[in-house]
Protein backbone atom coordinates (compact mmCIF):
# COMPACT_ATOMS: atom_id res chain seq x y z
CA UNK A 1 64.76 99.65 173.80
CA UNK A 2 63.72 100.85 177.26
CA UNK A 3 65.73 102.51 179.97
CA UNK A 4 68.26 100.29 181.75
CA UNK A 5 67.13 99.55 185.30
CA UNK A 6 69.09 98.47 188.36
CA UNK A 7 68.32 95.18 190.08
CA UNK A 8 69.74 94.15 193.46
CA UNK A 9 69.71 90.42 194.19
CA UNK A 10 70.17 89.93 197.94
CA UNK A 11 71.28 86.32 198.43
CA UNK A 12 71.18 84.46 201.75
CA UNK A 13 68.96 83.29 204.55
CA UNK A 14 68.08 84.61 207.97
CA UNK A 15 68.31 81.08 209.40
CA UNK A 16 72.12 81.24 209.42
CA UNK A 17 73.66 84.33 211.04
CA UNK A 18 76.73 84.39 208.78
CA UNK A 19 74.56 84.11 205.67
CA UNK A 20 72.11 86.87 206.56
CA UNK A 21 73.94 89.84 205.00
CA UNK A 22 71.96 89.66 201.75
CA UNK A 23 68.49 89.56 203.34
CA UNK A 24 69.43 92.33 205.79
CA UNK A 25 70.60 94.56 202.93
CA UNK A 26 67.35 93.77 201.10
CA UNK A 27 65.35 94.86 204.15
CA UNK A 28 67.29 98.14 204.37
CA UNK A 29 66.97 98.93 200.66
CA UNK A 30 63.22 98.27 200.71
CA UNK A 31 62.72 100.30 203.90
CA UNK A 32 64.54 103.25 202.34
CA UNK A 33 62.53 103.00 199.15
CA UNK A 34 65.50 102.91 196.80
CA UNK A 35 64.74 103.36 193.11
CA UNK A 36 65.59 99.83 191.95
CA UNK A 37 64.21 96.32 191.93
CA UNK A 38 65.18 94.43 195.11
CA UNK A 39 64.87 90.67 195.30
CA UNK A 40 65.59 88.97 198.62
CA UNK A 41 64.89 90.10 202.17
CA UNK A 42 64.22 88.58 205.59
CA UNK A 43 60.73 87.44 204.54
CA UNK A 44 61.46 86.17 201.02
CA UNK A 45 64.97 84.74 200.81
CA UNK A 46 66.96 84.19 197.64
CA UNK A 47 68.84 80.98 198.35
CA UNK A 48 70.30 77.96 196.55
CA UNK A 49 66.86 76.31 196.31
CA UNK A 50 65.39 79.35 194.51
CA UNK A 51 68.42 80.44 192.49
CA UNK A 52 67.30 78.87 189.20
CA UNK A 53 63.91 80.56 189.51
CA UNK A 54 65.59 83.94 190.02
CA UNK A 55 67.98 83.31 187.10
CA UNK A 56 64.94 82.75 184.89
CA UNK A 57 63.19 85.83 186.29
CA UNK A 58 66.24 88.00 185.63
CA UNK A 59 66.72 86.72 182.08
CA UNK A 60 63.04 87.26 181.20
CA UNK A 61 62.13 90.43 183.12
CA UNK A 62 65.51 92.17 183.44
CA UNK A 63 67.43 91.30 180.28
CA UNK A 64 69.92 94.11 179.67
CA UNK A 65 69.49 95.61 183.14
CA UNK A 66 72.30 96.07 185.66
CA UNK A 67 72.25 93.31 188.29
CA UNK A 68 74.09 93.74 191.59
CA UNK A 69 74.41 90.63 193.76
CA UNK A 70 74.81 90.98 197.53
CA UNK A 71 76.01 87.81 199.23
CA UNK A 72 78.17 86.68 202.13
CA UNK A 73 80.53 83.74 202.41
CA UNK A 74 81.95 82.01 205.45
CA UNK A 75 85.46 80.65 205.50
CA UNK A 76 88.91 80.88 206.99
CA UNK A 77 91.09 84.00 206.66
CA UNK A 78 93.47 82.12 204.35
CA UNK A 79 90.54 81.46 201.96
CA UNK A 80 89.91 85.18 201.37
CA UNK A 81 91.16 86.63 198.13
């Protein structure tokens, strides 16, 4: 068994301001050259249309690895929690 790797899945789209946290984090992580796999940035979004593809990718290429998801959600204050 190989070494466990870290994967960051940055979910969202730049087309909606409130949903752009994931892609922005992906851009920052890639620019800083962090030592992990980063999926999702301002050029290549991870969104609802591509989620099944990324689920398959993670299960095949990153089985047993640590996956961190970065996402944002919009809602009312009373919906938080």
